[in-house]
PDB file of N, CA and C in Angstrom:
ATOM      1  N   MET A   1     -46.299 -73.368 -72.056  1.00  0.00           N
ATOM      2  CA  MET A   1     -45.822 -72.284 -71.337  1.00  0.00           C
ATOM      3  C   MET A   1     -45.442 -71.169 -72.231  1.00  0.00           C
ATOM      4  N   ARG A   2     -45.726 -69.963 -71.842  1.00  0.00           N
ATOM      5  CA  ARG A   2     -45.413 -68.818 -72.640  1.00  0.00           C
ATOM      6  C   ARG A   2     -43.974 -68.413 -72.565  1.00  0.00           C
ATOM      7  N   ILE A   3     -43.458 -67.894 -73.620  1.00  0.00           N
ATOM      8  CA  ILE A   3     -42.054 -67.466 -73.766  1.00  0.00           C
ATOM      9  C   ILE A   3     -42.006 -65.952 -74.029  1.00  0.00           C
ATOM     10  N   ALA A   4     -41.163 -65.258 -73.350  1.00  0.00           N
ATOM     11  CA  ALA A   4     -41.017 -63.814 -73.677  1.00  0.00           C
ATOM     12  C   ALA A   4     -39.511 -63.480 -73.620  1.00  0.00           C
ATOM     13  N   PHE A   5     -39.169 -62.567 -74.543  1.00  0.00           N
ATOM     14  CA  PHE A   5     -37.730 -62.138 -74.695  1.00  0.00           C
ATOM     15  C   PHE A   5     -37.610 -60.857 -73.961  1.00  0.00           C
ATOM     16  N   SER A   6     -36.493 -60.639 -73.280  1.00  0.00           N
ATOM     17  CA  SER A   6     -36.182 -59.267 -72.770  1.00  0.00           C
ATOM     18  C   SER A   6     -35.923 -58.401 -73.945  1.00  0.00           C
ATOM     19  N   PRO A   7     -36.049 -57.075 -73.936  1.00  0.00           N
ATOM     20  CA  PRO A   7     -35.776 -56.212 -75.026  1.00  0.00           C
ATOM     21  C   PRO A   7     -34.319 -56.460 -75.612  1.00  0.00           C
ATOM     22  N   GLU A   8     -33.349 -56.606 -74.722  1.00  0.00           N
ATOM     23  CA  GLU A   8     -31.927 -56.880 -75.165  1.00  0.00           C
ATOM     24  C   GLU A   8     -31.843 -58.215 -75.929  1.00  0.00           C
ATOM     25  N   ALA A   9     -32.422 -59.236 -75.391  1.00  0.00           N
ATOM     26  CA  ALA A   9     -32.388 -60.546 -76.009  1.00  0.00           C
ATOM     27  C   ALA A   9     -32.990 -60.563 -77.443  1.00  0.00           C
ATOM     28  N   LYS A  10     -34.134 -59.813 -77.503  1.00  0.00           N
ATOM     29  CA  LYS A  10     -34.779 -59.680 -78.806  1.00  0.00           C
ATOM     30  C   LYS A  10     -33.852 -59.055 -79.794  1.00  0.00           C
ATOM     31  N   LEU A  11     -33.216 -57.884 -79.401  1.00  0.00           N
ATOM     32  CA  LEU A  11     -32.224 -57.327 -80.221  1.00  0.00           C
ATOM     33  C   LEU A  11     -31.078 -58.235 -80.643  1.00  0.00           C
ATOM     34  N   GLU A  12     -30.532 -58.953 -79.626  1.00  0.00           N
ATOM     35  CA  GLU A  12     -29.478 -59.896 -79.912  1.00  0.00           C
ATOM     36  C   GLU A  12     -29.882 -60.891 -81.017  1.00  0.00           C
ATOM     37  N   PHE A  13     -31.049 -61.516 -80.784  1.00  0.00           N
ATOM     38  CA  PHE A  13     -31.624 -62.432 -81.782  1.00  0.00           C
ATOM     39  C   PHE A  13     -31.729 -61.878 -83.128  1.00  0.00           C
ATOM     40  N   GLU A  14     -32.322 -60.653 -83.254  1.00  0.00           N
ATOM     41  CA  GLU A  14     -32.422 -60.041 -84.538  1.00  0.00           C
ATOM     42  C   GLU A  14     -31.058 -59.600 -85.151  1.00  0.00           C
ATOM     43  N   ASP A  15     -30.095 -59.223 -84.356  1.00  0.00           N
ATOM     44  CA  ASP A  15     -28.746 -58.903 -84.835  1.00  0.00           C
ATOM     45  C   ASP A  15     -28.112 -60.169 -85.418  1.00  0.00           C
ATOM     46  N   GLY A  16     -28.234 -61.345 -84.759  1.00  0.00           N
ATOM     47  CA  GLY A  16     -27.667 -62.471 -85.153  1.00  0.00           C
ATOM     48  C   GLY A  16     -28.257 -62.988 -86.441  1.00  0.00           C
ATOM     49  N   GLU A  17     -29.594 -62.859 -86.564  1.00  0.00           N
ATOM     50  CA  GLU A  17     -30.305 -63.262 -87.749  1.00  0.00           C
ATOM     51  C   GLU A  17     -29.790 -62.417 -88.942  1.00  0.00           C
ATOM     52  N   ARG A  18     -29.765 -61.114 -88.684  1.00  0.00           N
ATOM     53  CA  ARG A  18     -29.287 -60.191 -89.839  1.00  0.00           C
ATOM     54  C   ARG A  18     -27.841 -60.561 -90.203  1.00  0.00           C
ATOM     55  N   TYR A  19     -26.991 -60.755 -89.187  1.00  0.00           N
ATOM     56  CA  TYR A  19     -25.524 -60.963 -89.509  1.00  0.00           C
ATOM     57  C   TYR A  19     -25.441 -62.226 -90.401  1.00  0.00           C
ATOM     58  N   TYR A  20     -26.166 -63.389 -90.084  1.00  0.00           N
ATOM     59  CA  TYR A  20     -26.019 -64.610 -90.759  1.00  0.00           C
ATOM     60  C   TYR A  20     -26.650 -64.435 -92.141  1.00  0.00           C
ATOM     61  N   GLU A  21     -27.661 -63.651 -92.219  1.00  0.00           N
ATOM     62  CA  GLU A  21     -28.322 -63.432 -93.650  1.00  0.00           C
ATOM     63  C   GLU A  21     -27.358 -62.728 -94.517  1.00  0.00           C
ATOM     64  N   ARG A  22     -26.627 -61.758 -93.951  1.00  0.00           N
ATOM     65  CA  ARG A  22     -25.619 -61.074 -94.828  1.00  0.00           C
ATOM     66  C   ARG A  22     -24.437 -61.965 -95.326  1.00  0.00           C
ATOM     67  N   GLN A  23     -24.130 -62.922 -94.492  1.00  0.00           N
ATOM     68  CA  GLN A  23     -23.073 -63.879 -94.773  1.00  0.00           C
ATOM     69  C   GLN A  23     -23.430 -64.789 -95.980  1.00  0.00           C
ATOM     70  N   VAL A  24     -24.581 -65.363 -95.861  1.00  0.00           N
ATOM     71  CA  VAL A  24     -25.091 -66.318 -96.921  1.00  0.00           C
ATOM     72  C   VAL A  24     -26.659 -66.263 -96.942  1.00  0.00           C
ATOM     73  N   THR A  25     -27.168 -65.978 -98.101  1.00  0.00           N
ATOM     74  CA  THR A  25     -28.641 -65.949 -98.253  1.00  0.00           C
ATOM     75  C   THR A  25     -29.302 -67.194 -97.654  1.00  0.00           C
ATOM     76  N   GLY A  26     -30.175 -67.022 -96.733  1.00  0.00           N
ATOM     77  CA  GLY A  26     -30.963 -68.221 -96.173  1.00  0.00           C
ATOM     78  C   GLY A  26     -30.312 -68.598 -94.858  1.00  0.00           C
ATOM     79  N   LEU A  27     -29.137 -68.161 -94.495  1.00  0.00           N
ATOM     80  CA  LEU A  27     -28.530 -68.604 -93.253  1.00  0.00           C
ATOM     81  C   LEU A  27     -29.214 -67.941 -92.030  1.00  0.00           C
ATOM     82  N   GLY A  28     -29.683 -66.680 -92.253  1.00  0.00           N
ATOM     83  CA  GLY A  28     -30.398 -66.076 -91.245  1.00  0.00           C
ATOM     84  C   GLY A  28     -31.730 -66.810 -90.904  1.00  0.00           C
ATOM     85  N   ALA A  29     -32.374 -67.238 -91.973  1.00  0.00           N
ATOM     86  CA  ALA A  29     -33.638 -68.094 -91.708  1.00  0.00           C
ATOM     87  C   ALA A  29     -33.332 -69.362 -90.982  1.00  0.00           C
ATOM     88  N   ARG A  30     -32.093 -69.981 -91.280  1.00  0.00           N
ATOM     89  CA  ARG A  30     -31.768 -71.197 -90.567  1.00  0.00           C
ATOM     90  C   ARG A  30     -31.499 -70.894 -89.075  1.00  0.00           C
ATOM     91  N   PHE A  31     -30.832 -69.763 -88.745  1.00  0.00           N
ATOM     92  CA  PHE A  31     -30.647 -69.266 -87.391  1.00  0.00           C
ATOM     93  C   PHE A  31     -31.937 -69.196 -86.719  1.00  0.00           C
ATOM     94  N   ARG A  32     -32.893 -68.502 -87.348  1.00  0.00           N
ATOM     95  CA  ARG A  32     -34.219 -68.301 -86.735  1.00  0.00           C
ATOM     96  C   ARG A  32     -34.895 -69.607 -86.430  1.00  0.00           C
ATOM     97  N   THR A  33     -34.810 -70.553 -87.399  1.00  0.00           N
ATOM     98  CA  THR A  33     -35.393 -71.947 -87.255  1.00  0.00           C
ATOM     99  C   THR A  33     -34.766 -72.656 -86.075  1.00  0.00           C
ATOM    100  N   GLU A  34     -33.482 -72.525 -85.910  1.00  0.00           N
ATOM    101  CA  GLU A  34     -32.861 -73.262 -84.828  1.00  0.00           C
ATOM    102  C   GLU A  34     -33.248 -72.613 -83.511  1.00  0.00           C
ATOM    103  N   VAL A  35     -33.336 -71.374 -83.429  1.00  0.00           N
ATOM    104  CA  VAL A  35     -33.820 -70.693 -82.166  1.00  0.00           C
ATOM    105  C   VAL A  35     -35.261 -71.114 -81.866  1.00  0.00           C
ATOM    106  N   ARG A  36     -36.070 -71.198 -82.893  1.00  0.00           N
ATOM    107  CA  ARG A  36     -37.482 -71.630 -82.630  1.00  0.00           C
ATOM    108  C   ARG A  36     -37.474 -73.072 -82.138  1.00  0.00           C
ATOM    109  N   GLU A  37     -36.645 -73.932 -82.729  1.00  0.00           N
ATOM    110  CA  GLU A  37     -36.707 -75.315 -82.289  1.00  0.00           C
ATOM    111  C   GLU A  37     -36.155 -75.371 -80.847  1.00  0.00           C
ATOM    112  N   ALA A  38     -35.115 -74.560 -80.464  1.00  0.00           N
ATOM    113  CA  ALA A  38     -34.764 -74.545 -79.058  1.00  0.00           C
ATOM    114  C   ALA A  38     -35.874 -74.063 -78.156  1.00  0.00           C
ATOM    115  N   LEU A  39     -36.573 -73.036 -78.597  1.00  0.00           N
ATOM    116  CA  LEU A  39     -37.638 -72.553 -77.745  1.00  0.00           C
ATOM    117  C   LEU A  39     -38.790 -73.617 -77.540  1.00  0.00           C
ATOM    118  N   SER A  40     -38.997 -74.433 -78.607  1.00  0.00           N
ATOM    119  CA  SER A  40     -39.949 -75.555 -78.480  1.00  0.00           C
ATOM    120  C   SER A  40     -39.447 -76.522 -77.399  1.00  0.00           C
ATOM    121  N   ARG A  41     -38.180 -76.928 -77.399  1.00  0.00           N
ATOM    122  CA  ARG A  41     -37.637 -77.724 -76.423  1.00  0.00           C
ATOM    123  C   ARG A  41     -37.809 -77.136 -75.027  1.00  0.00           C
ATOM    124  N   LEU A  42     -37.553 -75.831 -74.949  1.00  0.00           N
ATOM    125  CA  LEU A  42     -37.743 -75.197 -73.553  1.00  0.00           C
ATOM    126  C   LEU A  42     -39.134 -75.309 -73.098  1.00  0.00           C
ATOM    127  N   ARG A  43     -40.084 -75.166 -73.984  1.00  0.00           N
ATOM    128  CA  ARG A  43     -41.549 -75.227 -73.593  1.00  0.00           C
ATOM    129  C   ARG A  43     -41.863 -76.635 -72.948  1.00  0.00           C
ATOM    130  N   HIS A  44     -41.227 -77.653 -73.509  1.00  0.00           N
ATOM    131  CA  HIS A  44     -41.489 -78.953 -73.060  1.00  0.00           C
ATOM    132  C   HIS A  44     -40.682 -79.397 -71.840  1.00  0.00           C
ATOM    133  N   TRP A  45     -39.514 -78.934 -71.773  1.00  0.00           N
ATOM    134  CA  TRP A  45     -38.547 -79.363 -70.689  1.00  0.00           C
ATOM    135  C   TRP A  45     -37.744 -78.094 -70.211  1.00  0.00           C
ATOM    136  N   PRO A  46     -38.455 -77.160 -69.566  1.00  0.00           N
ATOM    137  CA  PRO A  46     -37.749 -75.903 -69.160  1.00  0.00           C
ATOM    138  C   PRO A  46     -36.694 -76.090 -68.134  1.00  0.00           C
ATOM    139  N   LEU A  47     -36.801 -77.141 -67.330  1.00  0.00           N
ATOM    140  CA  LEU A  47     -35.746 -77.364 -66.286  1.00  0.00           C
ATOM    141  C   LEU A  47     -34.674 -78.262 -66.683  1.00  0.00           C
ATOM    142  N   ALA A  48     -34.629 -78.740 -67.904  1.00  0.00           N
ATOM    143  CA  ALA A  48     -33.712 -79.729 -68.310  1.00  0.00           C
ATOM    144  C   ALA A  48     -32.262 -79.114 -68.616  1.00  0.00           C
ATOM    145  N   ALA A  49     -32.222 -77.829 -68.896  1.00  0.00           N
ATOM    146  CA  ALA A  49     -30.947 -77.200 -69.265  1.00  0.00           C
ATOM    147  C   ALA A  49     -30.194 -76.960 -67.905  1.00  0.00           C
ATOM    148  N   PRO A  50     -28.872 -76.914 -67.948  1.00  0.00           N
ATOM    149  CA  PRO A  50     -28.120 -76.565 -66.705  1.00  0.00           C
ATOM    150  C   PRO A  50     -28.233 -75.097 -66.294  1.00  0.00           C
ATOM    151  N   VAL A  51     -27.941 -74.922 -65.033  1.00  0.00           N
ATOM    152  CA  VAL A  51     -27.895 -73.557 -64.535  1.00  0.00           C
ATOM    153  C   VAL A  51     -26.601 -72.888 -64.901  1.00  0.00           C
ATOM    154  N   GLU A  52     -26.713 -71.671 -65.334  1.00  0.00           N
ATOM    155  CA  GLU A  52     -25.490 -70.880 -65.797  1.00  0.00           C
ATOM    156  C   GLU A  52     -25.001 -69.897 -64.609  1.00  0.00           C
ATOM    157  N   HIS A  53     -26.048 -69.290 -64.036  1.00  0.00           N
ATOM    158  CA  HIS A  53     -25.746 -68.351 -62.988  1.00  0.00           C
ATOM    159  C   HIS A  53     -26.980 -68.043 -62.226  1.00  0.00           C
ATOM    160  N   GLY A  54     -27.018 -68.221 -60.879  1.00  0.00           N
ATOM    161  CA  GLY A  54     -28.166 -67.914 -60.107  1.00  0.00           C
ATOM    162  C   GLY A  54     -29.304 -68.865 -60.544  1.00  0.00           C
ATOM    163  N   ASP A  55     -30.416 -68.215 -60.934  1.00  0.00           N
ATOM    164  CA  ASP A  55     -31.532 -69.012 -61.494  1.00  0.00           C
ATOM    165  C   ASP A  55     -31.607 -68.940 -62.964  1.00  0.00           C
ATOM    166  N   ILE A  56     -30.590 -68.504 -63.672  1.00  0.00           N
ATOM    167  CA  ILE A  56     -30.583 -68.435 -65.086  1.00  0.00           C
ATOM    168  C   ILE A  56     -29.972 -69.744 -65.666  1.00  0.00           C
ATOM    169  N   ARG A  57     -30.708 -70.326 -66.576  1.00  0.00           N
ATOM    170  CA  ARG A  57     -30.319 -71.550 -67.230  1.00  0.00           C
ATOM    171  C   ARG A  57     -29.806 -71.240 -68.625  1.00  0.00           C
ATOM    172  N   ARG A  58     -29.040 -72.207 -69.228  1.00  0.00           N
ATOM    173  CA  ARG A  58     -28.636 -72.043 -70.592  1.00  0.00           C
ATOM    174  C   ARG A  58     -28.871 -73.176 -71.424  1.00  0.00           C
ATOM    175  N   LEU A  59     -29.253 -72.863 -72.708  1.00  0.00           N
ATOM    176  CA  LEU A  59     -29.475 -73.882 -73.689  1.00  0.00           C
ATOM    177  C   LEU A  59     -28.577 -73.507 -74.839  1.00  0.00           C
ATOM    178  N   ILE A  60     -27.626 -74.369 -75.201  1.00  0.00           N
ATOM    179  CA  ILE A  60     -26.675 -74.033 -76.277  1.00  0.00           C
ATOM    180  C   ILE A  60     -27.283 -74.566 -77.634  1.00  0.00           C
ATOM    181  N   LEU A  61     -27.274 -73.744 -78.632  1.00  0.00           N
ATOM    182  CA  LEU A  61     -27.758 -74.108 -79.924  1.00  0.00           C
ATOM    183  C   LEU A  61     -26.831 -75.130 -80.534  1.00  0.00           C
ATOM    184  N   SER A  62     -27.395 -75.972 -81.435  1.00  0.00           N
ATOM    185  CA  SER A  62     -26.684 -77.066 -82.055  1.00  0.00           C
ATOM    186  C   SER A  62     -25.690 -76.555 -83.207  1.00  0.00           C
ATOM    187  N   ARG A  63     -26.282 -75.688 -84.079  1.00  0.00           N
ATOM    188  CA  ARG A  63     -25.589 -75.412 -85.266  1.00  0.00           C
ATOM    189  C   ARG A  63     -24.876 -73.944 -85.360  1.00  0.00           C
ATOM    190  N   PHE A  64     -25.251 -73.248 -84.380  1.00  0.00           N
ATOM    191  CA  PHE A  64     -24.689 -71.829 -84.292  1.00  0.00           C
ATOM    192  C   PHE A  64     -24.058 -71.609 -82.943  1.00  0.00           C
ATOM    193  N   PRO A  65     -22.965 -70.829 -82.849  1.00  0.00           N
ATOM    194  CA  PRO A  65     -22.325 -70.502 -81.645  1.00  0.00           C
ATOM    195  C   PRO A  65     -23.021 -69.537 -80.654  1.00  0.00           C
ATOM    196  N   TYR A  66     -24.285 -69.932 -80.298  1.00  0.00           N
ATOM    197  CA  TYR A  66     -25.099 -69.138 -79.488  1.00  0.00           C
ATOM    198  C   TYR A  66     -25.676 -69.959 -78.265  1.00  0.00           C
ATOM    199  N   LYS A  67     -26.088 -69.291 -77.231  1.00  0.00           N
ATOM    200  CA  LYS A  67     -26.764 -69.986 -76.151  1.00  0.00           C
ATOM    201  C   LYS A  67     -27.959 -69.019 -75.816  1.00  0.00           C
ATOM    202  N   LEU A  68     -29.044 -69.618 -75.406  1.00  0.00           N
ATOM    203  CA  LEU A  68     -30.185 -68.914 -74.906  1.00  0.00           C
ATOM    204  C   LEU A  68     -30.059 -68.980 -73.370  1.00  0.00           C
ATOM    205  N   LEU A  69     -30.082 -67.831 -72.734  1.00  0.00           N
ATOM    206  CA  LEU A  69     -29.971 -67.748 -71.266  1.00  0.00           C
ATOM    207  C   LEU A  69     -31.433 -67.311 -70.804  1.00  0.00           C
ATOM    208  N   TYR A  70     -31.974 -68.100 -69.938  1.00  0.00           N
ATOM    209  CA  TYR A  70     -33.369 -67.853 -69.541  1.00  0.00           C
ATOM    210  C   TYR A  70     -33.666 -68.217 -68.077  1.00  0.00           C
ATOM    211  N   SER A  71     -34.741 -67.672 -67.585  1.00  0.00           N
ATOM    212  CA  SER A  71     -35.311 -68.048 -66.260  1.00  0.00           C
ATOM    213  C   SER A  71     -36.644 -68.705 -66.473  1.00  0.00           C
ATOM    214  N   VAL A  72     -36.948 -69.479 -65.537  1.00  0.00           N
ATOM    215  CA  VAL A  72     -38.301 -70.188 -65.578  1.00  0.00           C
ATOM    216  C   VAL A  72     -39.170 -69.480 -64.413  1.00  0.00           C
ATOM    217  N   GLU A  73     -40.176 -68.827 -64.848  1.00  0.00           N
ATOM    218  CA  GLU A  73     -41.082 -68.190 -63.988  1.00  0.00           C
ATOM    219  C   GLU A  73     -42.328 -69.142 -63.798  1.00  0.00           C
ATOM    220  N   PRO A  74     -43.261 -68.907 -62.907  1.00  0.00           N
ATOM    221  CA  PRO A  74     -44.446 -69.805 -62.723  1.00  0.00           C
ATOM    222  C   PRO A  74     -45.170 -70.017 -64.056  1.00  0.00           C
ATOM    223  N   ASP A  75     -45.416 -69.003 -64.875  1.00  0.00           N
ATOM    224  CA  ASP A  75     -46.166 -69.139 -66.057  1.00  0.00           C
ATOM    225  C   ASP A  75     -45.370 -68.597 -67.327  1.00  0.00           C
ATOM    226  N   LEU A  76     -44.090 -68.620 -67.260  1.00  0.00           N
ATOM    227  CA  LEU A  76     -43.368 -67.929 -68.291  1.00  0.00           C
ATOM    228  C   LEU A  76     -41.898 -68.450 -68.307  1.00  0.00           C
ATOM    229  N   ILE A  77     -41.419 -68.515 -69.474  1.00  0.00           N
ATOM    230  CA  ILE A  77     -40.008 -68.703 -69.747  1.00  0.00           C
ATOM    231  C   ILE A  77     -39.429 -67.407 -70.221  1.00  0.00           C
ATOM    232  N   TYR A  78     -38.542 -66.713 -69.523  1.00  0.00           N
ATOM    233  CA  TYR A  78     -38.075 -65.424 -69.874  1.00  0.00           C
ATOM    234  C   TYR A  78     -36.605 -65.473 -70.416  1.00  0.00           C
ATOM    235  N   ILE A  79     -36.601 -65.181 -71.667  1.00  0.00           N
ATOM    236  CA  ILE A  79     -35.206 -65.224 -72.265  1.00  0.00           C
ATOM    237  C   ILE A  79     -34.505 -63.897 -71.912  1.00  0.00           C
ATOM    238  N   VAL A  80     -33.351 -64.003 -71.241  1.00  0.00           N
ATOM    239  CA  VAL A  80     -32.624 -62.956 -70.777  1.00  0.00           C
ATOM    240  C   VAL A  80     -31.595 -62.476 -71.773  1.00  0.00           C
ATOM    241  N   ALA A  81     -31.060 -63.389 -72.491  1.00  0.00           N
ATOM    242  CA  ALA A  81     -30.014 -63.124 -73.560  1.00  0.00           C
ATOM    243  C   ALA A  81     -29.998 -64.200 -74.638  1.00  0.00           C
ATOM    244  N   VAL A  82     -29.598 -63.775 -75.782  1.00  0.00           N
ATOM    245  CA  VAL A  82     -29.211 -64.620 -76.950  1.00  0.00           C
ATOM    246  C   VAL A  82     -27.774 -64.306 -77.102  1.00  0.00           C
ATOM    247  N   ALA A  83     -26.910 -65.112 -76.413  1.00  0.00           N
ATOM    248  CA  ALA A  83     -25.565 -64.819 -76.349  1.00  0.00           C
ATOM    249  C   ALA A  83     -24.612 -65.564 -77.237  1.00  0.00           C
ATOM    250  N   HIS A  84     -23.752 -64.862 -77.895  1.00  0.00           N
ATOM    251  CA  HIS A  84     -22.672 -65.614 -78.709  1.00  0.00           C
ATOM    252  C   HIS A  84     -21.677 -66.253 -77.777  1.00  0.00           C
ATOM    253  N   LEU A  85     -21.278 -67.439 -78.052  1.00  0.00           N
ATOM    254  CA  LEU A  85     -20.442 -68.240 -77.150  1.00  0.00           C
ATOM    255  C   LEU A  85     -19.026 -67.692 -77.079  1.00  0.00           C
ATOM    256  N   HIS A  86     -18.593 -66.889 -78.019  1.00  0.00           N
ATOM    257  CA  HIS A  86     -17.158 -66.536 -78.117  1.00  0.00           C
ATOM    258  C   HIS A  86     -16.968 -65.037 -77.805  1.00  0.00           C
ATOM    259  N   ARG A  87     -17.989 -64.367 -77.291  1.00  0.00           N
ATOM    260  CA  ARG A  87     -17.880 -62.980 -76.927  1.00  0.00           C
ATOM    261  C   ARG A  87     -18.218 -62.763 -75.434  1.00  0.00           C
ATOM    262  N   ALA A  88     -17.455 -61.832 -74.831  1.00  0.00           N
ATOM    263  CA  ALA A  88     -17.647 -61.439 -73.429  1.00  0.00           C
ATOM    264  C   ALA A  88     -18.675 -62.291 -72.708  1.00  0.00           C
ATOM    265  N   PRO A  89     -18.258 -63.439 -72.168  1.00  0.00           N
ATOM    266  CA  PRO A  89     -19.191 -64.414 -71.735  1.00  0.00           C
ATOM    267  C   PRO A  89     -20.235 -64.080 -70.628  1.00  0.00           C
ATOM    268  N   ASP A  90     -19.871 -63.053 -69.718  1.00  0.00           N
ATOM    269  CA  ASP A  90     -20.771 -62.751 -68.616  1.00  0.00           C
ATOM    270  C   ASP A  90     -21.407 -61.377 -68.752  1.00  0.00           C
ATOM    271  N   TYR A  91     -21.447 -60.776 -69.939  1.00  0.00           N
ATOM    272  CA  TYR A  91     -21.976 -59.463 -70.140  1.00  0.00           C
ATOM    273  C   TYR A  91     -23.381 -59.248 -69.708  1.00  0.00           C
ATOM    274  N   TRP A  92     -24.109 -60.356 -69.752  1.00  0.00           N
ATOM    275  CA  TRP A  92     -25.589 -60.349 -69.540  1.00  0.00           C
ATOM    276  C   TRP A  92     -25.992 -60.453 -68.070  1.00  0.00           C
ATOM    277  N   ILE A  93     -25.035 -60.710 -67.156  1.00  0.00           N
ATOM    278  CA  ILE A  93     -25.328 -61.039 -65.777  1.00  0.00           C
ATOM    279  C   ILE A  93     -26.141 -59.951 -65.061  1.00  0.00           C
ATOM    280  N   GLU A  94     -25.871 -58.685 -65.389  1.00  0.00           N
ATOM    281  CA  GLU A  94     -26.544 -57.519 -64.834  1.00  0.00           C
ATOM    282  C   GLU A  94     -28.042 -57.554 -65.162  1.00  0.00           C
ATOM    283  N   ARG A  95     -28.513 -58.317 -66.209  1.00  0.00           N
ATOM    284  CA  ARG A  95     -29.798 -58.282 -66.595  1.00  0.00           C
ATOM    285  C   ARG A  95     -30.707 -59.126 -65.701  1.00  0.00           C
ATOM    286  N   ASP A  96     -30.165 -60.060 -65.026  1.00  0.00           N
ATOM    287  CA  ASP A  96     -31.032 -61.005 -64.289  1.00  0.00           C
ATOM    288  C   ASP A  96     -31.476 -60.553 -62.882  1.00  0.00           C
TER     289      ASP A  96
END
């Protein structure tokens, strides 16, 4: 199944990656790897994650305080947000 990021989610992902890389060299790459591993799980089991709001599901990352918020379309997994777990929890709701 194909995966696409909303423009906002893409920026959030890139911002998170840059932030972690500034903290410790290589940490940004580990963040990217964890997001890619999460996307791989979504491809195999898109409906396994719990519903967060409406038809938006959430997958919480293991090593970083982020969650992927996404919808499952007939031929696409659409990432709505790459949201930090400790910041304004429902800011993304207007996107869905």
